[in-house]
């Protein structure tokens, strides 16, 4: 009869009277096999965990059809429109996305976060080319995080510039409950410049709540215009490593961004070296986006996947990149400086090209002057310009807007409603009188220099008589104006008279 267990003197195991197995001899092999099974189970769990469990509401995407010279710590370095178009490496990207050529999560060594989780989170990456973003609407769409471009190094000159909407975007995203990360568009040609870039970024973001990683983005390095054209793969990787390590040393979590084609098989980067220490953010756009396509086809390890550059999100008027991250955070970090940044305003001209001009214009009839080049409800009408009233124009945009100066304030108007022809429109003058129609008003005016005051609104009629001449500093009341012919009706010394509107200054 067999016994269930051997005595304390025997080896542990199941046995009968005829069979005796020494299980101690097989114990190491059993342990190894068990570990392998557990590892396989973990891999399967992670893989399934990446599938479409987290998506955005009010978001759509379409198939992709193609795919140590200067610093600007305060964001005060600016470029004129022509130079910016030439030097900003993202300016020519008509889709306003990061990588046009473009999952499996991975743990990495370098992370400065103490509250990182394994949650799958959904986010966007933006720059000034998304214009003025309504972050409250973005938050309502289900966006967890935003990777915000804070600046770039010009590919030709090597000068560092701030993204003009970076401070506004970081501030408003955080204020609406969206966790913030950052990225910098690098064109560093050596490790010293890479460290300079990282230090610039760390200083620029120090007063803001940065919870997600700070990413290194380097594109277009093989183009003839790039100052990085002659660099080797090893040199580029050393530059990236220097930036990422400095970001970590400054207290932030570093991350490396590139297209899958650049990362695969160490094509353009020493990928294995980078992914051994840093989070990898890969751009790869399937014809059907996440979550219908549950993971990237990129076979290397990555912590974040940019799966479309054609996303649409409420509150953003352009296409936008959308990302799935295989990590999240249980809370938001405060600023590393311990300070709170001053309130930032958006760059209302972001995404527009204004050509500088200096001319005097008036309204063809009348035109509204707005605080931003937009006819949406978020634009405030500052004043209405009528024919005959003149104003200085400082810029014109291919998008159909003019930039002007009104009472010392920058305003915008639709270009087609303006004219450089300052001649007042002709008025009818029948022999029995005149029929010029005036819109009633009650303004205090004075001549810009000098103005003739006539008995009728005409300079051509023989019976139009100059009754008086008023000079600058004489104040009187305007009771009406005509937008068609550019005349004003005024009361001067108790008499109703008429003068050319463009010669008056409204007080």
Protein backbone atom coordinates (compact mmCIF):
# COMPACT_ATOMS: atom_id res chain seq x y z
CA UNK A 1 0.00 0.00 0.00
CA UNK A 2 1.43 3.35 -0.90
CA UNK A 3 1.74 6.15 1.56
CA UNK A 4 0.81 9.84 0.85
CA UNK A 5 4.01 11.47 2.05
CA UNK A 6 7.34 10.09 3.05
CA UNK A 7 8.52 10.45 6.62
CA UNK A 8 10.64 13.35 7.77
CA UNK A 9 13.75 11.38 6.84
CA UNK A 10 12.65 10.91 3.27
CA UNK A 11 12.74 13.27 0.29
CA UNK A 12 9.47 15.18 -0.16
CA UNK A 13 7.15 13.78 -2.83
CA UNK A 14 4.42 11.53 -3.94
CA UNK A 15 5.42 7.84 -4.02
CA UNK A 16 4.37 4.24 -3.82
CA UNK A 17 6.14 1.14 -2.55
CA UNK A 18 7.90 0.50 -5.82
CA UNK A 19 8.88 3.98 -7.06
CA UNK A 20 11.26 6.35 -5.33
CA UNK A 21 11.94 9.77 -6.97
CA UNK A 22 14.50 12.18 -5.56
CA UNK A 23 12.64 15.49 -6.17
CA UNK A 24 15.52 17.59 -4.86
CA UNK A 25 17.44 16.81 -8.04
CA UNK A 26 14.63 18.33 -10.19
CA UNK A 27 13.84 21.36 -8.00
CA UNK A 28 16.07 23.91 -9.86
CA UNK A 29 14.57 22.95 -13.21
CA UNK A 30 11.05 23.26 -11.80
CA UNK A 31 11.80 26.75 -10.45
CA UNK A 32 13.19 27.92 -13.81
CA UNK A 33 10.15 26.61 -15.64
CA UNK A 34 7.80 28.32 -13.21
CA UNK A 35 9.57 31.66 -13.64
CA UNK A 36 9.33 31.35 -17.42
CA UNK A 37 5.57 30.68 -17.23
CA UNK A 38 5.04 33.69 -14.96
CA UNK A 39 7.03 35.92 -17.30
CA UNK A 40 4.94 34.79 -20.26
CA UNK A 41 1.74 35.56 -18.38
CA UNK A 42 3.00 39.08 -17.55
CA UNK A 43 3.86 39.77 -21.21
CA UNK A 44 0.39 38.70 -22.28
CA UNK A 45 -1.25 40.89 -19.65
CA UNK A 46 0.75 43.96 -20.71
CA UNK A 47 -0.02 43.33 -24.37
CA UNK A 48 -3.75 43.07 -23.77
CA UNK A 49 -3.60 46.05 -21.45
CA UNK A 50 -2.60 48.25 -24.36
CA UNK A 51 -5.78 47.55 -26.27
CA UNK A 52 -8.43 50.23 -26.70
CA UNK A 53 -9.58 50.86 -23.18
CA UNK A 54 -8.89 54.58 -23.18
CA UNK A 55 -10.16 56.94 -25.87
CA UNK A 56 -11.12 60.57 -26.26
CA UNK A 57 -14.64 61.85 -26.57
CA UNK A 58 -15.39 64.47 -29.25
CA UNK A 59 -12.24 63.48 -31.10
CA UNK A 60 -11.86 62.25 -34.64
CA UNK A 61 -8.90 61.40 -36.82
CA UNK A 62 -8.41 60.67 -40.48
CA UNK A 63 -5.98 58.44 -42.30
CA UNK A 64 -2.52 59.79 -42.92
CA UNK A 65 -1.88 60.22 -46.60
CA UNK A 66 1.85 61.00 -46.44
CA UNK A 67 3.54 61.09 -44.16
CA UNK A 68 25.86 78.21 -28.08
CA UNK A 69 24.54 81.10 -30.26
CA UNK A 70 21.55 82.68 -28.56
CA UNK A 71 18.97 82.03 -25.88
CA UNK A 72 15.47 83.23 -25.17
CA UNK A 73 14.84 82.31 -21.54
CA UNK A 74 11.99 84.76 -21.12
CA UNK A 75 10.46 84.12 -24.51
CA UNK A 76 11.28 87.64 -25.61
CA UNK A 77 13.42 86.77 -28.62
CA UNK A 78 11.17 87.12 -31.60
CA UNK A 79 11.52 86.64 -35.31
CA UNK A 80 9.86 88.60 -38.04
CA UNK A 81 7.43 86.61 -40.10
CA UNK A 82 9.79 85.97 -43.00
CA UNK A 83 12.64 84.77 -40.78
CA UNK A 84 10.36 82.65 -38.62
CA UNK A 85 8.97 80.90 -41.65
CA UNK A 86 12.51 80.09 -42.70
CA UNK A 87 14.03 79.17 -39.34
CA UNK A 88 11.34 77.43 -37.28
CA UNK A 89 11.80 73.73 -38.13
CA UNK A 90 8.09 73.07 -37.64
CA UNK A 91 6.84 76.07 -39.61
CA UNK A 92 6.62 74.30 -42.95
CA UNK A 93 4.56 71.49 -41.47
CA UNK A 94 1.18 72.29 -42.95
CA UNK A 95 -0.56 69.82 -40.66
CA UNK A 96 1.01 71.48 -37.60
CA UNK A 97 2.16 68.10 -36.35
CA UNK A 98 5.48 66.81 -35.11
CA UNK A 99 6.78 63.94 -37.20
CA UNK A 100 5.32 63.33 -40.65
CA UNK A 101 7.26 60.15 -41.27
CA UNK A 102 6.35 58.31 -38.81
CA UNK A 103 2.23 49.24 -28.37
CA UNK A 104 4.32 47.89 -26.20
CA UNK A 105 5.10 49.70 -22.99
CA UNK A 106 8.46 49.51 -21.34
CA UNK A 107 9.93 50.40 -18.01
CA UNK A 108 13.01 52.58 -18.09
CA UNK A 109 15.76 53.56 -15.73
CA UNK A 110 15.55 57.32 -15.55
CA UNK A 111 12.42 58.80 -14.01
CA UNK A 112 12.11 61.61 -11.51
CA UNK A 113 8.47 60.95 -10.73
CA UNK A 114 7.34 59.39 -7.48
CA UNK A 115 3.70 59.04 -8.48
CA UNK A 116 3.93 57.27 -11.85
CA UNK A 117 1.29 54.61 -12.50
CA UNK A 118 0.77 51.91 -15.12
CA UNK A 119 -2.48 53.50 -16.35
CA UNK A 120 -3.06 53.99 -20.05
CA UNK A 121 -3.54 57.71 -20.71
CA UNK A 122 -4.47 59.75 -23.78
CA UNK A 123 -2.88 63.06 -24.69
CA UNK A 124 -2.09 65.59 -27.38
CA UNK A 125 1.04 67.47 -28.37
CA UNK A 126 0.71 71.10 -29.41
CA UNK A 127 2.65 74.19 -30.42
CA UNK A 128 1.77 77.74 -31.41
CA UNK A 129 0.62 76.37 -34.75
CA UNK A 130 -2.56 75.13 -33.08
CA UNK A 131 -3.43 78.79 -32.46
CA UNK A 132 -5.23 79.93 -29.33
CA UNK A 133 -6.54 76.75 -27.70
CA UNK A 134 -9.70 76.63 -25.60
CA UNK A 135 -8.30 74.37 -22.88
CA UNK A 136 -11.62 74.03 -21.07
CA UNK A 137 -13.09 72.39 -24.17
CA UNK A 138 -10.01 70.21 -24.58
CA UNK A 139 -10.38 68.98 -20.99
CA UNK A 140 -14.03 68.13 -21.59
CA UNK A 141 -12.97 65.92 -24.52
CA UNK A 142 -11.21 63.51 -22.20
CA UNK A 143 -7.59 64.56 -22.74
CA UNK A 144 -5.41 63.38 -19.85
CA UNK A 145 -2.18 65.15 -20.74
CA UNK A 146 -0.61 67.61 -23.15
CA UNK A 147 2.97 67.61 -24.44
CA UNK A 148 3.65 71.28 -25.14
CA UNK A 149 6.40 72.62 -27.37
CA UNK A 150 8.33 75.13 -25.29
CA UNK A 151 10.92 76.13 -27.87
CA UNK A 152 13.27 75.24 -30.69
CA UNK A 153 16.78 75.87 -31.94
CA UNK A 154 16.79 77.33 -35.45
CA UNK A 155 18.25 74.84 -37.90
CA UNK A 156 20.26 77.42 -39.82
CA UNK A 157 21.40 79.95 -37.22
CA UNK A 158 21.47 77.84 -34.06
CA UNK A 159 19.62 80.50 -32.05
CA UNK A 160 17.16 79.23 -29.43
CA UNK A 161 13.62 80.64 -29.53
CA UNK A 162 10.64 80.13 -27.28
CA UNK A 163 7.32 78.94 -28.67
CA UNK A 164 5.21 82.08 -28.32
CA UNK A 165 2.20 80.18 -26.97
CA UNK A 166 4.14 77.85 -24.65
CA UNK A 167 3.59 79.73 -21.39
CA UNK A 168 -0.10 80.26 -22.10
CA UNK A 169 -0.56 76.62 -23.06
CA UNK A 170 1.27 75.25 -20.00
CA UNK A 171 -0.66 77.54 -17.69
CA UNK A 172 -4.12 77.00 -19.14
CA UNK A 173 -3.76 73.24 -19.63
CA UNK A 174 -2.83 72.80 -15.97
CA UNK A 175 -5.58 75.19 -14.84
CA UNK A 176 -8.13 72.97 -16.57
CA UNK A 177 -6.92 69.76 -14.95
CA UNK A 178 -4.76 68.49 -17.82
CA UNK A 179 -1.36 67.18 -16.79
CA UNK A 180 1.50 68.82 -18.67
CA UNK A 181 4.68 67.58 -20.30
CA UNK A 182 7.02 69.46 -22.61
CA UNK A 183 9.12 68.96 -25.70
CA UNK A 184 11.95 70.87 -27.36
CA UNK A 185 12.79 70.85 -31.06
CA UNK A 186 16.56 70.43 -31.15
CA UNK A 187 19.13 71.17 -33.81
CA UNK A 188 22.17 70.83 -31.52
CA UNK A 189 25.40 69.84 -33.29
CA UNK A 190 27.36 68.81 -30.21
CA UNK A 191 26.87 67.76 -26.61
CA UNK A 192 27.57 71.25 -25.28
CA UNK A 193 24.69 72.67 -27.31
CA UNK A 194 22.45 69.80 -26.17
CA UNK A 195 23.17 70.61 -22.52
CA UNK A 196 22.55 74.29 -23.28
CA UNK A 197 19.14 73.37 -24.74
CA UNK A 198 18.22 71.23 -21.73
CA UNK A 199 19.26 73.99 -19.32
CA UNK A 200 17.23 76.51 -21.31
CA UNK A 201 14.17 74.25 -21.17
CA UNK A 202 14.55 73.58 -17.44
CA UNK A 203 14.78 77.29 -16.74
CA UNK A 204 11.86 78.14 -19.03
CA UNK A 205 9.47 75.62 -17.41
CA UNK A 206 10.66 75.92 -13.81
CA UNK A 207 7.66 78.01 -12.69
CA UNK A 208 5.09 75.69 -14.29
CA UNK A 209 3.48 72.41 -13.27
CA UNK A 210 5.30 69.76 -15.32
CA UNK A 211 4.14 66.22 -14.51
CA UNK A 212 4.72 64.27 -17.75
CA UNK A 213 8.19 63.89 -19.29
CA UNK A 214 10.34 66.50 -21.02
CA UNK A 215 11.07 65.21 -24.52
CA UNK A 216 13.91 65.65 -27.00
CA UNK A 217 12.68 66.00 -30.60
CA UNK A 218 15.14 66.18 -33.50
CA UNK A 219 13.91 66.00 -37.10
CA UNK A 220 15.01 67.04 -40.57
CA UNK A 221 18.68 66.45 -39.77
CA UNK A 222 19.39 64.96 -43.21
CA UNK A 223 18.06 67.93 -45.19
CA UNK A 224 20.50 70.21 -46.98
CA UNK A 225 19.37 73.21 -44.91
CA UNK A 226 20.09 71.57 -41.57
CA UNK A 227 23.20 72.47 -39.60
CA UNK A 228 23.20 68.78 -38.50
CA UNK A 229 23.58 67.46 -42.04
CA UNK A 230 27.12 66.08 -41.60
CA UNK A 231 26.56 64.45 -38.21
CA UNK A 232 26.91 60.69 -37.79
CA UNK A 233 24.38 58.46 -36.08
CA UNK A 234 26.71 58.10 -33.11
CA UNK A 235 27.11 61.88 -32.83
CA UNK A 236 23.34 62.47 -32.97
CA UNK A 237 22.78 59.84 -30.30
CA UNK A 238 25.43 61.39 -28.07
CA UNK A 239 23.70 64.76 -28.45
CA UNK A 240 20.31 63.25 -27.54
CA UNK A 241 21.81 61.44 -24.55
CA UNK A 242 23.44 64.64 -23.28
CA UNK A 243 20.10 66.49 -23.48
CA UNK A 244 18.15 63.70 -21.79
CA UNK A 245 20.67 63.19 -19.00
CA UNK A 246 20.72 66.93 -18.28
CA UNK A 247 16.90 66.98 -18.16
CA UNK A 248 17.04 64.20 -15.57
CA UNK A 249 19.72 66.02 -13.58
CA UNK A 250 17.48 69.11 -13.55
CA UNK A 251 14.70 67.12 -11.87
CA UNK A 252 12.45 66.13 -14.80
CA UNK A 253 11.70 62.78 -16.44
CA UNK A 254 13.42 62.62 -19.86
CA UNK A 255 11.89 61.10 -23.01
CA UNK A 256 13.18 60.62 -26.56
CA UNK A 257 10.90 61.20 -29.57
CA UNK A 258 11.38 59.88 -33.11
CA UNK A 259 9.57 58.25 -36.02
CA UNK A 260 9.41 54.48 -36.03
CA UNK A 261 11.37 54.38 -39.31
CA UNK A 262 14.26 56.22 -37.64
CA UNK A 263 14.27 53.92 -34.62
CA UNK A 264 13.81 50.52 -36.28
CA UNK A 265 17.00 48.52 -36.74
CA UNK A 266 19.02 51.44 -35.35
CA UNK A 267 18.36 53.19 -38.64
CA UNK A 268 19.13 56.80 -37.63
CA UNK A 269 19.78 56.47 -33.91
CA UNK A 270 21.52 54.01 -31.60
CA UNK A 271 18.08 52.98 -30.48
CA UNK A 272 19.12 50.17 -28.15
CA UNK A 273 21.29 52.58 -26.18
CA UNK A 274 18.53 55.17 -25.85
CA UNK A 275 15.74 52.77 -24.92
CA UNK A 276 17.85 51.15 -22.22
CA UNK A 277 17.71 54.31 -20.12
CA UNK A 278 14.97 56.62 -21.35
CA UNK A 279 11.32 56.60 -22.16
CA UNK A 280 10.78 56.26 -25.91
CA UNK A 281 8.01 58.18 -27.69
CA UNK A 282 7.43 56.75 -31.13
CA UNK A 283 5.50 58.24 -34.06
CA UNK A 284 3.82 55.65 -36.26
CA UNK A 285 0.53 56.28 -38.04
CA UNK A 286 -1.60 53.28 -39.02
CA UNK A 287 -4.32 53.70 -41.63
CA UNK A 288 -6.85 53.01 -38.90
CA UNK A 289 -5.94 54.82 -35.68
CA UNK A 290 -6.01 53.69 -32.06
CA UNK A 291 -8.02 52.04 -30.50
CA UNK A 292 -9.23 50.23 -33.63
CA UNK A 293 -5.54 49.53 -34.22
CA UNK A 294 -4.65 48.52 -30.64
CA UNK A 295 -0.87 49.00 -30.81
CA UNK A 296 1.92 50.36 -32.97
CA UNK A 297 3.64 48.13 -35.51
CA UNK A 298 6.95 49.36 -34.16
CA UNK A 299 8.65 46.34 -32.63
CA UNK A 300 10.96 48.13 -30.22
CA UNK A 301 10.00 49.23 -26.75
CA UNK A 302 8.12 52.47 -26.28
CA UNK A 303 6.35 54.25 -23.49
CA UNK A 304 4.25 56.59 -25.66
CA UNK A 305 2.79 56.18 -29.13
CA UNK A 306 1.83 59.10 -31.36
CA UNK A 307 -0.76 57.37 -33.50
CA UNK A 308 -2.15 60.17 -35.69
CA UNK A 309 -1.30 63.69 -36.83
CA UNK A 310 -4.81 64.24 -38.16
CA UNK A 311 -6.77 64.31 -34.92
CA UNK A 312 -9.59 66.75 -34.23
CA UNK A 313 -10.25 67.81 -30.65
CA UNK A 314 -12.88 70.23 -29.36
CA UNK A 315 -11.28 73.58 -28.52
CA UNK A 316 -8.53 73.28 -31.17
CA UNK A 317 -9.15 74.76 -34.61
CA UNK A 318 -6.50 72.72 -36.46
CA UNK A 319 -5.46 69.11 -36.82
CA UNK A 320 -3.54 67.91 -33.79
CA UNK A 321 -1.29 64.94 -32.90
CA UNK A 322 -2.88 62.42 -30.51
CA UNK A 323 -0.91 60.01 -28.33
CA UNK A 324 -1.48 57.02 -26.08
CA UNK A 325 0.91 56.72 -23.14
CA UNK A 326 1.44 53.43 -21.31
CA UNK A 327 1.84 55.27 -18.04
CA UNK A 328 0.12 57.96 -16.02
CA UNK A 329 0.45 59.85 -12.76
CA UNK A 330 -1.62 59.72 -9.60
CA UNK A 331 -1.26 63.47 -9.13
CA UNK A 332 0.17 66.63 -10.68
CA UNK A 333 3.57 68.04 -9.81
CA UNK A 334 4.04 71.58 -8.66
CA UNK A 335 6.65 73.89 -10.15
CA UNK A 336 10.24 72.95 -9.36
CA UNK A 337 11.03 76.57 -8.54
CA UNK A 338 8.25 76.71 -5.99
CA UNK A 339 7.04 79.89 -7.70
CA UNK A 340 3.86 80.53 -9.64
CA UNK A 341 4.32 81.94 -13.12
CA UNK A 342 2.74 85.26 -13.97
CA UNK A 343 -0.42 85.11 -16.06
CA UNK A 344 0.39 84.57 -19.73
CA UNK A 345 -1.56 85.76 -22.75
CA UNK A 346 -1.92 83.81 -25.99
CA UNK A 347 -0.12 84.80 -29.17
CA UNK A 348 -3.15 85.77 -31.23
CA UNK A 349 -1.12 85.74 -34.44
CA UNK A 350 0.14 82.20 -33.90
CA UNK A 351 -0.14 80.16 -37.06
CA UNK A 352 -0.53 83.24 -39.28
CA UNK A 353 2.05 84.87 -41.53
CA UNK A 354 2.00 88.67 -41.35
CA UNK A 355 4.07 90.70 -43.77
CA UNK A 356 5.26 93.96 -42.25
CA UNK A 357 3.92 97.15 -43.87
CA UNK A 358 3.59 100.77 -42.85
CA UNK A 359 0.72 102.51 -44.56
CA UNK A 360 -2.32 104.61 -43.77
CA UNK A 361 -5.73 103.12 -44.46
CA UNK A 362 -9.38 103.88 -43.99
CA UNK A 363 -12.53 101.81 -44.22
CA UNK A 364 -14.13 101.43 -47.62
CA UNK A 365 -17.40 101.95 -45.77
CA UNK A 366 -16.96 100.79 -42.18
CA UNK A 367 -15.06 97.93 -40.54
CA UNK A 368 -14.85 96.47 -37.04
CA UNK A 369 -11.50 96.57 -35.26
CA UNK A 370 -10.94 93.45 -33.12
CA UNK A 371 -8.45 92.39 -30.46
CA UNK A 372 -7.49 89.29 -32.44
CA UNK A 373 -7.64 88.25 -36.11
CA UNK A 374 -10.82 86.25 -35.74
CA UNK A 375 -14.53 86.71 -36.27
CA UNK A 376 -15.35 84.05 -33.69
CA UNK A 377 -17.10 84.91 -30.45
CA UNK A 378 -13.78 84.95 -28.57
CA UNK A 379 -12.74 88.12 -30.46
CA UNK A 380 -13.74 91.46 -28.92
CA UNK A 381 -14.72 94.43 -31.12
CA UNK A 382 -12.62 97.38 -29.92
CA UNK A 383 -14.04 100.05 -32.25
CA UNK A 384 -15.63 100.61 -35.64
CA UNK A 385 -13.62 102.45 -38.28
CA UNK A 386 -15.63 104.47 -40.83
CA UNK A 387 -14.69 105.82 -44.20
CA UNK A 388 -12.64 108.96 -43.82
CA UNK A 389 -11.14 108.00 -40.46
CA UNK A 390 -7.54 106.94 -40.93
CA UNK A 391 -5.44 104.39 -39.09
CA UNK A 392 -1.92 102.98 -39.42
CA UNK A 393 -1.56 99.44 -40.77
CA UNK A 394 1.55 97.52 -39.67
CA UNK A 395 1.00 94.12 -41.25
CA UNK A 396 -1.02 92.08 -43.71
CA UNK A 397 -1.68 88.36 -43.62
CA UNK A 398 -2.29 85.87 -46.39
CA UNK A 399 -5.26 84.72 -44.30
CA UNK A 400 -7.06 87.98 -45.12
CA UNK A 401 -6.38 90.04 -41.99
CA UNK A 402 -4.64 93.35 -41.42
CA UNK A 403 -2.81 94.32 -38.25
CA UNK A 404 -3.33 97.96 -37.24
CA UNK A 405 -2.61 100.40 -34.42
CA UNK A 406 -5.63 102.13 -32.89
CA UNK A 407 -5.12 104.55 -29.97
CA UNK A 408 -1.84 102.80 -29.16
CA UNK A 409 -3.42 99.32 -29.17
CA UNK A 410 -2.78 96.56 -31.70
CA UNK A 411 -6.04 95.59 -33.42
CA UNK A 412 -7.07 93.57 -36.45
CA UNK A 413 -9.49 94.08 -39.32
CA UNK A 414 -10.55 92.22 -42.44
CA UNK A 415 -8.26 93.46 -45.20
CA UNK A 416 -10.94 93.53 -47.91
CA UNK A 417 -12.86 96.15 -45.92
CA UNK A 418 -9.89 98.56 -45.92
CA UNK A 419 -8.44 100.86 -48.55
CA UNK A 420 -5.36 103.05 -48.96
CA UNK A 421 -7.44 105.51 -51.02
CA UNK A 422 -8.02 108.28 -48.51
CA UNK A 423 -10.09 110.47 -50.88
CA UNK A 424 -13.59 110.97 -49.45
CA UNK A 425 -16.29 109.41 -51.50
CA UNK A 426 -18.17 111.77 -53.78
CA UNK A 427 -21.54 113.03 -52.59
CA UNK A 428 -24.63 113.96 -54.55
CA UNK A 429 -25.50 117.65 -54.56
CA UNK A 430 -28.84 118.46 -56.19
CA UNK A 431 -29.61 122.15 -56.80
CA UNK A 432 -32.35 122.00 -54.18
CA UNK A 433 -29.96 120.83 -51.49
CA UNK A 434 -28.00 117.63 -50.71
CA UNK A 435 -29.06 114.13 -49.67
CA UNK A 436 -25.99 112.84 -47.83
CA UNK A 437 -27.22 110.67 -44.98
CA UNK A 438 -25.50 110.86 -41.61
CA UNK A 439 -25.39 108.45 -38.72
CA UNK A 440 -26.00 110.31 -35.50
CA UNK A 441 -23.22 110.41 -32.92
CA UNK A 442 -21.95 112.63 -30.12
CA UNK A 443 -18.15 112.84 -30.26
CA UNK A 444 -15.67 115.43 -29.14
CA UNK A 445 -13.23 116.10 -31.96
CA UNK A 446 -10.30 118.31 -32.86
CA UNK A 447 -8.44 118.69 -36.16
CA UNK A 448 -5.34 116.56 -36.60
CA UNK A 449 -3.70 119.71 -37.92
CA UNK A 450 -6.24 121.97 -39.65
CA UNK A 451 -9.62 121.43 -41.29
CA UNK A 452 -12.01 123.51 -43.39
CA UNK A 453 -15.56 123.61 -42.12
CA UNK A 454 -18.09 123.98 -44.98
CA UNK A 455 -21.75 124.75 -45.31
CA UNK A 456 -22.30 121.50 -47.22
CA UNK A 457 -20.46 118.14 -47.50
CA UNK A 458 -18.73 118.73 -50.82
CA UNK A 459 -15.44 120.04 -52.11
CA UNK A 460 -16.54 120.15 -55.74
CA UNK A 461 -19.82 122.05 -55.65
CA UNK A 462 -19.49 125.72 -56.44
CA UNK A 463 -21.88 126.63 -53.67
CA UNK A 464 -19.90 124.69 -51.03
CA UNK A 465 -18.39 127.50 -48.98
CA UNK A 466 -15.67 127.34 -46.35
CA UNK A 467 -17.32 129.01 -43.36
CA UNK A 468 -14.44 128.56 -40.92
CA UNK A 469 -11.09 126.87 -40.50
CA UNK A 470 -10.44 124.98 -37.25
CA UNK A 471 -6.95 124.17 -35.98
CA UNK A 472 -5.48 121.44 -33.78
CA UNK A 473 -6.42 122.02 -30.16
CA UNK A 474 -9.84 123.50 -30.94
CA UNK A 475 -12.48 121.14 -29.64
CA UNK A 476 -16.04 120.91 -30.92
CA UNK A 477 -18.81 118.34 -31.21
CA UNK A 478 -19.39 115.92 -34.05
CA UNK A 479 -23.09 115.05 -34.35
CA UNK A 480 -22.97 112.70 -37.32
CA UNK A 481 -20.84 110.86 -39.84
CA UNK A 482 -21.32 109.34 -43.28
CA UNK A 483 -19.50 106.07 -44.04
CA UNK A 484 -20.07 106.26 -47.79
CA UNK A 485 -18.51 109.62 -48.56
CA UNK A 486 -16.21 110.25 -45.59
CA UNK A 487 -17.81 113.41 -44.20
CA UNK A 488 -18.63 114.46 -40.67
CA UNK A 489 -21.34 116.83 -39.43
CA UNK A 490 -20.15 119.10 -36.62
CA UNK A 491 -21.35 121.96 -34.49
CA UNK A 492 -18.87 124.85 -34.47
CA UNK A 493 -19.65 128.11 -32.70
CA UNK A 494 -23.31 127.13 -32.68
CA UNK A 495 -23.44 126.48 -36.44
CA UNK A 496 -23.89 123.12 -38.17
CA UNK A 497 -21.05 122.60 -40.63
CA UNK A 498 -19.34 119.77 -42.51
CA UNK A 499 -15.76 118.57 -42.86
CA UNK A 500 -13.68 115.64 -44.13
CA UNK A 501 -13.63 112.90 -41.46
CA UNK A 502 -10.03 111.81 -42.04
CA UNK A 503 -8.81 115.27 -40.95
CA UNK A 504 -10.38 114.89 -37.49
CA UNK A 505 -9.08 113.27 -34.33
CA UNK A 506 -11.69 111.76 -32.02
CA UNK A 507 -11.03 112.39 -28.34
